[in-house]
Amino acid sequence: SVFFIAAPVLAIALRAPVAMFAMALIGIGLLAIRVLVHLVTLPVEYDASFNKALPILREGGYLGDEDLAGARSVLKAAALTYVAAALMGLLNLARWIRVLR
């Protein structure tokens, strides 16, 4: 966001609207990369939580059968934080695209 605040100031100081356009494109690209990283992380987090951690907790005897539902709930909440971050990144990207149009 600091990049978007600094871009108009630099464009005015440099008296170059092309520079402002280029900086806006760079900023949008950086936000898009951030969203992409979150989207790539989603399946990794899901796999780590449900296909790796949960079987280790179950088979290793760390949790009893009565605690597995709670562990599953906590792991689901952890995975959903990545979903929320990806959605917030998409919303932020869409907001900046609307602002810069």
Protein backbone atom coordinates (compact mmCIF):
# COMPACT_ATOMS: atom_id res chain seq x y z
CA SER A 1 0.00 0.00 0.00
CA VAL A 2 2.92 2.34 0.64
CA PHE A 3 3.92 1.81 -2.98
CA PHE A 4 0.53 3.11 -4.15
CA ILE A 5 0.80 6.15 -1.90
CA ALA A 6 4.32 6.95 -3.09
CA ALA A 7 3.59 6.43 -6.81
CA PRO A 8 1.52 9.60 -7.39
CA VAL A 9 3.97 11.69 -5.39
CA LEU A 10 6.88 10.41 -7.46
CA ALA A 11 4.96 10.90 -10.71
CA ILE A 12 4.15 14.50 -9.80
CA ALA A 13 7.72 15.16 -8.67
CA LEU A 14 9.09 13.64 -11.87
CA ARG A 15 6.31 15.21 -13.99
CA ALA A 16 5.94 11.91 -15.81
CA PRO A 17 2.49 10.31 -16.10
CA VAL A 18 4.08 7.33 -17.83
CA ALA A 19 6.11 6.72 -14.68
CA MET A 20 2.92 6.74 -12.62
CA PHE A 21 1.31 4.23 -14.98
CA ALA A 22 4.37 1.99 -14.82
CA MET A 23 4.45 2.17 -11.03
CA ALA A 24 0.73 1.34 -10.87
CA LEU A 25 1.30 -1.72 -13.05
CA ILE A 26 4.21 -2.82 -10.88
CA GLY A 27 2.06 -2.41 -7.77
CA ILE A 28 -0.80 -4.42 -9.25
CA GLY A 29 1.70 -7.10 -10.26
CA LEU A 30 3.10 -7.27 -6.73
CA LEU A 31 -0.39 -7.66 -5.28
CA ALA A 32 -1.16 -10.38 -7.82
CA ILE A 33 2.01 -12.26 -6.84
CA ARG A 34 0.95 -12.06 -3.20
CA VAL A 35 -2.44 -13.59 -4.07
CA LEU A 36 -0.73 -16.30 -6.12
CA VAL A 37 1.53 -17.23 -3.19
CA HIS A 38 -1.51 -17.57 -0.93
CA LEU A 39 -3.29 -19.74 -3.48
CA VAL A 40 -0.23 -22.00 -3.87
CA THR A 41 0.04 -22.32 -0.09
CA LEU A 42 -3.57 -23.51 0.33
CA PRO A 43 -3.12 -27.12 -0.85
CA VAL A 44 0.19 -27.40 1.00
CA GLU A 45 -1.43 -26.30 4.26
CA TYR A 46 -4.41 -28.60 3.75
CA ASP A 47 -2.09 -31.55 3.09
CA ALA A 48 0.08 -30.73 6.10
CA SER A 49 -2.92 -30.48 8.40
CA PHE A 50 -5.10 -33.38 7.34
CA ASN A 51 -2.85 -35.84 5.51
CA LYS A 52 0.23 -35.49 7.70
CA ALA A 53 -0.48 -34.00 11.14
CA LEU A 54 -3.77 -35.72 11.88
CA PRO A 55 -2.50 -39.26 11.11
CA ILE A 56 0.64 -38.62 13.18
CA LEU A 57 -1.48 -37.47 16.12
CA ARG A 58 -3.80 -40.45 15.76
CA GLU A 59 -1.27 -43.23 15.09
CA GLY A 60 1.36 -41.92 17.48
CA GLY A 61 -1.04 -42.13 20.38
CA TYR A 62 -0.76 -38.42 21.12
CA LEU A 63 -4.54 -37.99 21.14
CA GLY A 64 -7.34 -40.22 22.25
CA ASP A 65 -10.39 -40.85 20.10
CA GLU A 66 -12.37 -38.27 22.05
CA ASP A 67 -9.80 -35.56 21.28
CA LEU A 68 -9.52 -36.20 17.53
CA ALA A 69 -12.63 -34.14 16.74
CA GLY A 70 -11.13 -31.16 18.56
CA ALA A 71 -7.79 -31.60 16.81
CA ARG A 72 -9.55 -31.81 13.45
CA SER A 73 -11.40 -28.58 14.28
CA VAL A 74 -8.19 -26.77 15.23
CA LEU A 75 -6.40 -27.98 12.08
CA LYS A 76 -9.37 -26.89 9.97
CA ALA A 77 -9.23 -23.43 11.56
CA ALA A 78 -5.50 -23.24 10.79
CA ALA A 79 -6.14 -24.14 7.15
CA LEU A 80 -8.95 -21.59 6.93
CA THR A 81 -6.59 -18.79 7.96
CA TYR A 82 -4.84 -19.31 4.62
CA VAL A 83 -8.19 -19.24 2.82
CA ALA A 84 -9.02 -15.96 4.56
CA ALA A 85 -5.63 -14.48 3.64
CA ALA A 86 -6.11 -15.47 -0.01
CA LEU A 87 -9.58 -13.93 -0.10
CA MET A 88 -8.35 -10.73 1.53
CA GLY A 89 -5.55 -10.54 -1.01
CA LEU A 90 -8.05 -10.93 -3.86
CA LEU A 91 -10.31 -8.24 -2.39
CA ASN A 92 -7.36 -5.89 -1.92
CA LEU A 93 -6.25 -6.49 -5.51
CA ALA A 94 -9.76 -5.82 -6.82
CA ARG A 95 -10.01 -2.66 -4.70
CA TRP A 96 -6.76 -1.24 -6.06
CA ILE A 97 -7.74 -2.08 -9.63
CA ARG A 98 -11.00 -0.15 -9.08
CA VAL A 99 -9.14 2.79 -7.53
CA LEU A 100 -6.62 2.99 -10.37
CA ARG A 101 -9.16 2.75 -13.20
